[in-house]
Protein backbone atom coordinates (compact mmCIF):
# COMPACT_ATOMS: atom_id res chain seq x y z
CA MET A 1 -13.91 -44.51 18.57
CA GLN A 2 -12.68 -43.35 14.81
CA GLU A 3 -16.23 -42.09 13.82
CA MET A 4 -16.26 -40.01 17.13
CA ILE A 5 -13.14 -38.17 16.67
CA SER A 6 -14.51 -37.66 12.96
CA ARG A 7 -17.36 -36.50 14.44
CA TRP A 8 -15.23 -33.79 17.20
CA ILE A 9 -12.87 -32.67 14.98
CA VAL A 10 -15.52 -31.54 12.19
CA SER A 11 -17.82 -29.72 14.90
CA ALA A 12 -14.54 -28.05 15.87
CA SER A 13 -13.71 -27.13 12.69
CA ASP A 14 -16.97 -25.67 12.02
CA ILE A 15 -17.66 -23.92 15.42
CA LEU A 16 -13.95 -22.33 15.31
CA TRP A 17 -14.26 -20.87 11.46
CA GLY A 18 -18.11 -19.26 12.52
CA PRO A 19 -19.12 -16.06 12.41
CA PRO A 20 -16.92 -15.24 15.09
CA MET A 21 -13.83 -16.07 13.46
CA LEU A 22 -14.66 -14.35 10.23
CA ILE A 23 -15.86 -11.29 12.00
CA LEU A 24 -12.20 -11.35 13.49
CA LEU A 25 -10.28 -11.55 10.51
CA VAL A 26 -12.51 -9.04 8.76
CA GLY A 27 -13.06 -6.47 11.42
CA THR A 28 -8.59 -6.63 11.72
CA GLY A 29 -8.77 -5.99 7.98
CA PHE A 30 -11.46 -3.07 8.85
CA PHE A 31 -9.49 -1.26 11.79
CA LEU A 32 -6.28 -2.01 9.99
CA THR A 33 -7.40 0.27 7.04
CA PHE A 34 -8.90 2.67 9.27
CA LEU A 35 -5.29 2.91 11.27
CA LEU A 36 -3.10 3.17 7.98
CA ARG A 37 -5.42 5.53 6.25
CA GLY A 38 -6.49 3.62 3.60
CA LEU A 39 -2.77 2.32 2.73
CA GLN A 40 -3.92 -0.32 0.77
CA PHE A 41 -5.49 2.25 -1.71
CA ARG A 42 -3.08 5.10 -2.15
CA ALA A 43 0.12 3.59 -2.15
CA LEU A 44 -0.94 0.13 -4.29
CA GLY A 45 0.40 1.85 -7.85
CA HIS A 46 3.57 1.75 -5.94
CA ALA A 47 3.73 -1.32 -4.61
CA LEU A 48 2.70 -2.98 -7.70
CA TRP A 49 6.23 -0.88 -9.26
CA LEU A 50 8.56 -2.44 -6.22
CA GLY A 51 7.20 -5.84 -6.49
CA LEU A 52 6.73 -6.23 -10.49
CA VAL A 53 8.86 -4.01 -11.68
CA LYS A 54 11.60 -2.46 -10.28
CA ARG A 55 12.65 -6.12 -8.42
CA ARG A 56 15.95 -4.98 -7.98
CA GLU A 57 17.86 -4.72 -4.00
CA ASP A 58 21.20 -4.04 -3.03
CA ASP A 59 23.01 -6.60 -2.47
CA ASP A 60 24.01 -5.73 0.48
CA SER A 61 20.65 -5.30 2.10
CA PRO A 62 20.35 -8.51 4.72
CA GLY A 63 17.90 -11.50 3.69
CA ASP A 64 18.22 -15.14 1.51
CA ILE A 65 16.03 -14.08 -1.33
CA SER A 66 15.13 -10.86 -3.92
CA HIS A 67 11.08 -8.81 -3.05
CA PHE A 68 9.74 -10.32 -6.46
CA GLN A 69 10.78 -14.17 -5.10
CA ALA A 70 9.52 -13.34 -1.65
CA LEU A 71 6.55 -12.56 -3.47
CA MET A 72 5.84 -15.56 -5.37
CA THR A 73 6.55 -18.02 -2.50
CA ALA A 74 3.68 -16.55 -1.55
CA LEU A 75 1.68 -16.58 -4.11
CA ALA A 76 2.67 -20.01 -4.83
CA ALA A 77 1.61 -21.06 -1.31
CA THR A 78 -1.71 -18.96 -1.75
CA VAL A 79 -2.74 -19.43 -5.61
CA GLY A 80 -3.94 -23.15 -4.89
CA THR A 81 -7.41 -25.09 -5.42
CA GLY A 82 -9.33 -22.25 -3.31
CA ASN A 83 -9.25 -20.21 -7.00
CA ILE A 84 -10.40 -22.60 -8.81
CA ALA A 85 -13.11 -24.44 -6.85
CA GLY A 86 -13.12 -21.89 -3.62
CA VAL A 87 -14.45 -19.64 -5.56
CA ALA A 88 -17.16 -21.67 -7.78
CA THR A 89 -18.51 -22.87 -4.00
CA ALA A 90 -18.74 -19.63 -2.81
CA ILE A 91 -21.03 -18.54 -5.74
CA ALA A 92 -22.41 -22.07 -5.72
CA ALA A 93 -23.58 -22.03 -1.91
CA GLY A 94 -24.09 -17.74 -2.17
CA GLY A 95 -25.43 -16.35 -5.37
CA PRO A 96 -23.29 -14.31 -7.35
CA GLY A 97 -23.26 -12.37 -4.65
CA ALA A 98 -20.92 -13.87 -2.67
CA LEU A 99 -18.70 -12.42 -5.30
CA PHE A 100 -18.50 -8.91 -4.20
CA TRP A 101 -18.12 -9.92 -0.41
CA MET A 102 -14.90 -11.62 -1.51
CA TRP A 103 -13.63 -8.37 -3.06
CA ILE A 104 -14.47 -6.96 0.99
CA THR A 105 -12.41 -9.80 2.10
CA GLY A 106 -9.49 -9.23 -0.39
CA LEU A 107 -9.42 -5.29 -0.43
CA VAL A 108 -9.14 -4.72 3.86
CA GLY A 109 -6.99 -8.06 3.78
CA MET A 110 -4.54 -6.04 1.75
CA ALA A 111 -4.27 -3.48 5.05
CA THR A 112 -4.00 -7.36 7.17
CA LYS A 113 -1.58 -8.91 4.64
CA PHE A 114 0.62 -5.02 4.96
CA ALA A 115 0.50 -5.53 8.50
CA GLU A 116 1.48 -9.35 8.97
CA ALA A 117 4.95 -8.56 7.01
CA VAL A 118 6.00 -5.50 8.83
CA LEU A 119 6.39 -6.90 11.73
CA ALA A 120 8.05 -10.24 9.84
CA VAL A 121 10.47 -7.70 9.08
CA ARG A 122 11.30 -5.98 11.88
CA TYR A 123 11.56 -8.77 13.97
CA ARG A 124 13.06 -11.14 11.92
CA VAL A 125 15.77 -13.25 13.07
CA LYS A 126 18.96 -14.89 11.58
CA ASP A 127 19.25 -18.66 12.74
CA ALA A 128 22.05 -21.15 13.42
CA ALA A 129 22.28 -21.68 9.38
CA GLY A 130 22.55 -17.77 8.89
CA ARG A 131 19.34 -17.49 6.62
CA MET A 132 16.44 -14.91 7.93
CA SER A 133 13.56 -16.57 9.71
CA GLY A 134 10.63 -14.67 11.23
CA GLY A 135 6.30 -14.62 11.03
CA PRO A 136 4.31 -14.96 13.39
CA MET A 137 6.05 -16.62 16.10
CA TYR A 138 8.80 -14.44 15.93
CA TYR A 139 7.07 -11.10 16.21
CA LEU A 140 5.23 -12.65 19.44
CA ASP A 141 7.68 -13.92 20.85
CA ARG A 142 9.82 -10.99 20.20
CA GLY A 143 7.52 -7.98 19.84
CA LEU A 144 4.87 -8.66 21.93
CA GLY A 145 6.53 -11.12 24.56
CA SER A 146 4.41 -14.18 24.33
CA ARG A 147 6.24 -17.39 24.25
CA PRO A 148 2.92 -19.23 24.45
CA LEU A 149 1.11 -17.70 21.62
CA ALA A 150 4.19 -18.25 19.65
CA ILE A 151 4.31 -21.83 20.37
CA MET A 152 0.46 -21.85 19.88
CA PHE A 153 1.31 -20.74 16.34
CA ALA A 154 4.32 -22.41 15.61
CA GLY A 155 2.75 -25.63 16.64
CA THR A 156 -0.47 -25.46 14.52
CA GLY A 157 1.22 -24.58 11.55
CA ALA A 158 3.32 -27.15 11.26
CA ILE A 159 0.85 -29.29 11.38
CA ALA A 160 -1.35 -27.02 9.40
CA ALA A 161 1.58 -27.68 6.23
CA VAL A 162 1.54 -31.44 5.84
CA GLY A 163 -2.19 -30.81 5.80
CA ILE A 164 -3.95 -28.23 3.69
CA GLY A 165 -0.45 -27.36 2.52
CA ASN A 166 -0.07 -30.87 1.18
CA MET A 167 -2.26 -34.00 1.76
CA VAL A 168 -5.00 -31.96 0.46
CA GLN A 169 -3.35 -30.58 -2.48
CA ALA A 170 -1.25 -33.32 -3.73
CA ASN A 171 -5.31 -34.93 -3.70
CA SER A 172 -6.24 -32.34 -6.36
CA VAL A 173 -2.97 -33.26 -7.92
CA ALA A 174 -3.72 -36.76 -8.45
CA ASP A 175 -7.72 -36.66 -9.26
CA VAL A 176 -7.08 -34.11 -11.81
CA VAL A 177 -4.01 -36.33 -13.50
CA GLU A 178 -6.17 -39.49 -13.83
CA SER A 179 -8.85 -37.62 -15.15
CA LEU A 180 -7.43 -36.45 -18.09
CA THR A 181 -4.38 -39.20 -18.30
CA GLY A 182 -5.77 -42.55 -16.61
CA SER A 183 -3.19 -42.35 -14.31
CA PRO A 184 -3.65 -44.04 -11.15
CA PRO A 185 -2.95 -41.59 -7.97
CA TRP A 186 0.07 -43.25 -6.71
CA ILE A 187 1.66 -43.07 -9.70
CA THR A 188 1.50 -39.33 -9.47
CA GLY A 189 2.19 -38.99 -5.46
CA MET A 190 5.65 -40.53 -6.53
CA VAL A 191 6.36 -38.30 -9.39
CA LEU A 192 5.17 -35.40 -7.48
CA ALA A 193 6.86 -36.72 -4.13
CA ALA A 194 10.16 -36.71 -6.17
CA ALA A 195 9.69 -33.20 -7.47
CA THR A 196 9.42 -31.72 -4.43
CA ALA A 197 11.93 -33.45 -2.70
CA VAL A 198 14.94 -32.01 -5.49
CA VAL A 199 12.91 -28.29 -4.97
CA LEU A 200 13.40 -28.81 -0.88
CA LEU A 201 16.91 -29.81 -1.24
CA GLY A 202 17.57 -26.09 -2.18
CA GLY A 203 16.16 -24.74 0.36
CA VAL A 204 14.04 -21.38 0.76
CA LYS A 205 15.88 -20.14 -2.65
CA GLY A 206 15.22 -23.23 -4.65
CA ILE A 207 12.01 -23.33 -3.97
CA ALA A 208 11.67 -19.24 -4.71
CA ARG A 209 13.58 -20.10 -8.28
CA THR A 210 11.25 -22.27 -8.76
CA ALA A 211 8.04 -20.52 -7.41
CA SER A 212 9.23 -17.38 -9.63
CA THR A 213 9.45 -19.52 -12.40
CA ILE A 214 6.08 -21.41 -12.04
CA VAL A 215 3.23 -19.12 -10.69
CA PRO A 216 3.78 -16.23 -13.01
CA VAL A 217 3.59 -18.82 -15.93
CA MET A 218 0.52 -20.61 -14.48
CA ILE A 219 -1.22 -17.21 -13.58
CA VAL A 220 -0.67 -15.97 -16.76
CA PHE A 221 -1.74 -19.19 -18.28
CA TYR A 222 -5.03 -19.51 -16.13
CA ILE A 223 -6.25 -15.43 -16.66
CA GLY A 224 -5.26 -15.85 -20.48
CA GLY A 225 -7.87 -18.23 -21.09
CA ALA A 226 -10.49 -16.79 -18.85
CA LEU A 227 -9.77 -13.45 -21.02
CA VAL A 228 -10.82 -14.91 -23.98
CA ILE A 229 -14.26 -15.80 -22.77
CA LEU A 230 -14.72 -12.40 -21.26
CA ILE A 231 -13.37 -10.94 -24.62
CA ALA A 232 -15.36 -12.88 -26.37
CA GLY A 233 -18.66 -11.82 -24.55
CA TYR A 234 -17.41 -8.58 -23.22
CA ARG A 235 -21.52 -7.07 -24.00
CA SER A 236 -22.40 -8.78 -20.84
CA LEU A 237 -19.90 -7.90 -18.63
CA PRO A 238 -22.18 -4.99 -17.36
CA GLY A 239 -24.89 -6.93 -17.12
CA ILE A 240 -22.74 -9.36 -14.87
CA LEU A 241 -21.14 -6.52 -12.47
CA ALA A 242 -24.63 -5.17 -11.82
CA LEU A 243 -25.95 -9.50 -11.10
CA VAL A 244 -23.35 -9.30 -8.49
CA LEU A 245 -23.84 -5.64 -7.30
CA GLN A 246 -27.26 -6.20 -6.47
CA GLU A 247 -27.35 -10.09 -5.40
CA ALA A 248 -25.03 -8.76 -2.62
CA PHE A 249 -27.60 -6.69 -0.94
CA GLN A 250 -30.71 -9.05 -1.85
CA PRO A 251 -31.54 -12.73 -1.45
CA THR A 252 -30.69 -14.69 -4.36
CA ALA A 253 -33.47 -16.29 -6.33
CA ALA A 254 -33.38 -19.63 -7.59
CA ALA A 255 -32.72 -20.38 -11.52
CA GLY A 256 -32.22 -23.21 -13.17
CA GLY A 257 -30.34 -26.13 -11.23
CA PHE A 258 -29.24 -22.92 -8.38
CA LEU A 259 -31.52 -23.11 -5.52
CA GLY A 260 -31.36 -19.93 -4.15
CA ALA A 261 -29.14 -18.19 -1.27
CA THR A 262 -29.78 -15.71 1.15
CA VAL A 263 -27.69 -12.07 1.64
CA GLN A 264 -26.90 -13.64 4.59
CA GLN A 265 -25.57 -17.29 2.82
CA GLY A 266 -23.12 -14.87 0.37
CA ILE A 267 -21.98 -12.76 2.96
CA ARG A 268 -20.64 -16.27 5.03
CA TYR A 269 -19.20 -17.75 1.99
CA GLY A 270 -17.86 -15.08 -0.21
CA VAL A 271 -15.97 -13.72 2.97
CA ALA A 272 -14.51 -17.50 4.33
CA ARG A 273 -13.85 -18.63 0.43
CA GLY A 274 -12.04 -15.10 0.58
CA VAL A 275 -10.02 -15.27 3.69
CA PHE A 276 -9.10 -19.17 2.73
CA SER A 277 -8.05 -18.33 -0.98
CA ASN A 278 -5.63 -14.90 0.32
CA GLU A 279 -4.45 -16.22 3.68
CA SER A 280 -4.87 -13.10 5.06
CA GLY A 281 -4.98 -12.76 9.07
CA LEU A 282 -3.48 -16.22 9.18
CA GLY A 283 0.32 -15.44 9.49
CA SER A 284 1.01 -17.82 6.88
CA SER A 285 2.25 -15.93 4.15
CA PRO A 286 4.75 -13.47 6.29
CA ILE A 287 7.41 -16.64 7.16
CA ALA A 288 8.02 -15.92 3.62
CA ALA A 289 8.10 -11.97 3.25
CA ALA A 290 10.89 -12.61 6.29
CA ALA A 291 12.92 -14.40 3.94
CA ALA A 292 13.43 -10.62 1.56
CA ARG A 293 16.70 -8.95 0.88
CA THR A 294 15.48 -5.26 2.29
CA LYS A 295 17.03 -2.68 4.85
CA ASP A 296 12.84 -1.67 5.60
CA PRO A 297 10.23 -3.37 6.52
CA THR A 298 7.65 -1.32 5.02
CA THR A 299 8.96 -2.23 1.63
CA GLN A 300 8.85 -5.15 1.58
CA ALA A 301 5.26 -4.98 3.20
CA LEU A 302 3.84 -3.01 0.22
CA VAL A 303 4.84 -6.13 -1.51
CA SER A 304 3.58 -8.83 -0.04
CA MET A 305 0.24 -6.51 0.11
CA THR A 306 0.27 -7.33 -3.89
CA GLN A 307 -0.09 -10.84 -3.17
CA THR A 308 -3.90 -10.30 -1.95
CA PHE A 309 -4.75 -7.76 -4.50
CA ILE A 310 -3.45 -9.89 -7.32
CA ASP A 311 -5.18 -13.62 -5.56
CA THR A 312 -8.53 -12.39 -4.99
CA LEU A 313 -8.91 -9.07 -7.19
CA VAL A 314 -7.28 -10.21 -9.91
CA VAL A 315 -7.29 -14.51 -10.19
CA CYS A 316 -10.54 -15.11 -8.13
CA SER A 317 -12.32 -12.08 -9.72
CA MET A 318 -11.71 -14.11 -13.36
CA THR A 319 -13.08 -17.64 -12.37
CA GLY A 320 -15.92 -15.62 -10.84
CA PHE A 321 -16.42 -13.58 -13.89
CA VAL A 322 -16.20 -16.90 -16.57
CA ILE A 323 -18.54 -18.90 -14.13
CA LEU A 324 -21.64 -15.98 -14.07
CA LEU A 325 -21.00 -15.35 -17.98
CA THR A 326 -21.14 -18.63 -19.45
CA GLY A 327 -24.01 -18.95 -17.02
CA ALA A 328 -22.56 -21.82 -15.23
CA TRP A 329 -23.70 -20.45 -12.22
CA THR A 330 -27.34 -21.77 -12.41
CA SER A 331 -25.88 -25.72 -13.37
CA GLY A 332 -26.18 -26.95 -9.88
CA LYS A 333 -22.54 -27.98 -9.99
CA THR A 334 -19.89 -26.99 -6.82
CA GLY A 335 -16.25 -26.88 -6.51
CA ALA A 336 -14.06 -27.52 -9.35
CA GLU A 337 -16.29 -29.20 -10.98
CA LEU A 338 -18.61 -25.74 -11.95
CA THR A 339 -15.54 -24.15 -13.06
CA ALA A 340 -14.43 -26.56 -15.25
CA SER A 341 -17.59 -26.62 -16.53
CA ALA A 342 -17.96 -22.92 -17.39
CA PHE A 343 -14.36 -22.97 -19.34
CA GLN A 344 -15.25 -25.68 -21.03
CA SER A 345 -18.62 -23.78 -22.40
CA GLY A 346 -16.47 -20.47 -23.18
CA LEU A 347 -13.60 -22.61 -24.99
CA PRO A 348 -13.48 -24.59 -28.08
CA GLY A 349 -12.91 -28.48 -27.70
CA GLU A 350 -11.03 -29.53 -24.71
CA TRP A 351 -9.18 -26.62 -24.35
CA GLY A 352 -11.66 -25.36 -21.00
CA GLY A 353 -11.08 -28.66 -19.00
CA ILE A 354 -7.62 -29.25 -20.33
CA LEU A 355 -7.18 -25.25 -18.79
CA VAL A 356 -8.69 -25.96 -15.57
CA GLY A 357 -6.80 -29.40 -14.84
CA VAL A 358 -3.69 -28.11 -15.80
CA GLY A 359 -4.39 -24.76 -13.71
CA LEU A 360 -5.06 -27.11 -10.56
CA ALA A 361 -2.21 -28.75 -10.64
CA LEU A 362 -0.50 -26.10 -11.06
CA PHE A 363 -1.81 -24.04 -8.59
CA ALA A 364 -1.61 -26.91 -5.77
CA TYR A 365 1.95 -27.91 -6.63
CA SER A 366 3.07 -24.81 -5.97
CA THR A 367 0.98 -24.74 -2.65
CA ILE A 368 2.91 -27.42 -1.53
CA LEU A 369 5.97 -26.03 -2.03
CA GLY A 370 5.31 -22.56 -0.58
CA TRP A 371 4.26 -24.74 2.26
CA SER A 372 6.91 -26.84 3.12
CA TYR A 373 8.90 -23.86 3.56
CA TYR A 374 6.04 -22.21 6.03
CA GLY A 375 6.02 -25.67 7.76
CA GLU A 376 9.77 -26.20 8.08
CA LYS A 377 10.12 -22.77 9.78
CA CYS A 378 7.55 -23.00 12.48
CA LEU A 379 8.95 -26.49 13.27
CA THR A 380 12.72 -24.90 13.52
CA TYR A 381 11.31 -21.31 15.63
CA LEU A 382 10.35 -24.71 18.23
CA PHE A 383 13.03 -27.44 17.91
CA GLY A 384 15.58 -25.72 15.75
CA GLN A 385 17.41 -26.86 12.40
CA GLY A 386 17.82 -30.53 13.76
CA LEU A 387 14.34 -31.49 12.40
CA VAL A 388 14.69 -29.60 9.40
CA ILE A 389 15.92 -33.04 7.24
CA PRO A 390 13.54 -35.20 8.98
CA TYR A 391 10.72 -33.23 8.55
CA ARG A 392 11.08 -32.63 4.68
CA LEU A 393 11.17 -36.27 4.82
CA VAL A 394 8.06 -36.76 5.98
CA PHE A 395 6.47 -33.97 4.41
CA CYS A 396 7.53 -35.68 0.48
CA GLY A 397 6.11 -38.54 2.43
CA ALA A 398 2.76 -37.25 2.97
CA VAL A 399 2.91 -36.32 -0.59
CA VAL A 400 2.41 -39.54 -1.07
CA VAL A 401 -0.47 -40.79 1.00
CA GLY A 402 -2.35 -37.44 0.55
CA ALA A 403 -2.35 -38.44 -2.79
CA VAL A 404 -4.36 -41.74 -2.91
CA MET A 405 -6.38 -41.57 0.81
CA LYS A 406 -9.66 -39.79 0.97
CA LEU A 407 -9.52 -36.56 2.61
CA ASP A 408 -12.14 -35.29 4.37
CA LEU A 409 -11.00 -35.84 8.69
CA VAL A 410 -7.83 -34.22 6.98
CA TRP A 411 -9.89 -31.27 5.27
CA ALA A 412 -11.58 -30.57 8.87
CA PHE A 413 -8.51 -31.12 10.80
CA SER A 414 -6.68 -28.20 8.69
CA ASP A 415 -9.49 -26.17 8.82
CA MET A 416 -9.03 -26.41 12.70
CA MET A 417 -5.45 -25.90 12.55
CA ASN A 418 -5.70 -23.07 10.39
CA GLY A 419 -7.80 -21.31 12.66
CA MET A 420 -5.88 -21.83 15.62
CA MET A 421 -2.44 -20.64 13.92
CA ALA A 422 -4.96 -17.41 12.91
CA ILE A 423 -6.06 -16.74 16.49
CA PRO A 424 -2.75 -15.74 18.27
CA ASN A 425 -1.35 -14.21 15.11
CA LEU A 426 -4.40 -12.18 14.92
CA ILE A 427 -4.18 -11.25 18.65
CA GLY A 428 0.17 -10.03 17.52
CA LEU A 429 -1.31 -7.35 14.96
CA LEU A 430 -3.62 -6.01 16.65
CA LEU A 431 -1.96 -5.02 19.56
CA LEU A 432 0.89 -4.80 17.46
CA SER A 433 -0.98 -2.21 15.55
CA GLY A 434 1.21 0.85 16.68
CA VAL A 435 4.32 -0.36 15.33
CA VAL A 436 2.70 -1.17 12.20
CA ARG A 437 1.90 2.38 11.85
CA SER A 438 4.55 3.88 12.99
CA GLU A 439 6.84 2.22 10.15
CA ALA A 440 4.41 2.95 7.83
CA ALA A 441 4.14 6.37 8.57
CA SER A 442 8.36 6.69 9.10
CA TYR A 443 8.42 4.70 5.29
CA PHE A 444 6.56 7.57 3.68
CA ALA A 445 8.09 10.47 5.37
CA ARG A 446 11.29 9.79 4.03
CA ARG A 447 9.89 9.55 0.67
CA ARG A 448 8.36 12.57 0.90
CA GLU A 449 11.53 14.04 2.30
CA GLU A 450 13.36 12.56 -0.80
CA ARG A 451 10.82 13.61 -3.55
CA ASN A 452 11.55 17.61 -2.15
CA ARG A 453 15.12 17.24 -2.58
CA GLN A 454 15.31 16.05 -6.08
CA ALA A 455 12.87 18.69 -6.94
CA ALA A 456 14.58 20.94 -5.28
CA GLY A 457 17.54 20.01 -6.94
């Protein structure tokens, strides 16, 4: 019976994440890019300034955390094992051209992320505890008027948070710690659960404070190591870029331990890993965006879209370039092992393995924190505040379970839940796209008027 259930879940997950879903996700991004007139390209500089430079909001703005903290909380959940293992898997299965299709997914995904955040802030509410609550379940309910779709999203979101946002990540941390120190997985699970519990006691503000500390450090730490390798081999970078562009549109020949790949494989794995990495269209990150202190939905939406830029166009690109530059992609390895091999060959001594190991552990831990908030908000929408404490206890317990068990079935089931989150969210984005366009047009019209007044004065 258990084997039959396992086969059914794996098959359902494969069907759900087949070409139709990937086309819908990327197609929605292209549609929103067209609708918003390429907003992610023309407003990227302004968006980065709002999120990373300005970083100050009016104290009287409604919300619980700053723009920067909302961005870091969302990045905490998305910059995870996908940036290390996912990129490697895409290149190992689809060839160097898969990196190009990851970029395409990230570029159009920025428009999707913008739309999600606009709607999350526009339709957010203040809950019984006086905190802001928002996300797809609220814009599906209050904006679209579809309670069934909202329930579908919130139910699958609460389950996915415990699986792919928790147990899978805890397992990754336990594996890394065991390989680096020899510590048994159950000890790592207990320590990780305790560290998670301490942060969860502070609610979204505690998560945001921790994410704002961990995320910048871990990204700079990881990118710094990658840059050392890329700078040392800078003469080869033009050739690597040409390889990526060339292999994106023609079959990838076998090389070394690499068995070769078709263009279709490059597109499939590049798009799939890109979507899993930045989560654009899944509906998870707008839950964090809804907590931001802001009076204008577009302001936070601009900040939120930089999350996809940082995750895919920066962090994933760094991983991909190191794998290609060092030639590790032809070794026949895949996943985190391939990334570790690339960094080990590019950095002296044991630094490569340490960097990937520590980076993977930090990325996974931050993902646990971000998804704990997503799951809690989904559960609160369904049942109110009464189950928050029990959910936190179950969530922390799942960290220990995830650290010590085999997770093939959990992976497949969580993938299925993620797909079922995406379906109602994408429906909401498409049907409420007019609201997104109106909010964006209003914001930029006010900016033009303000600049005109300043020029006249």
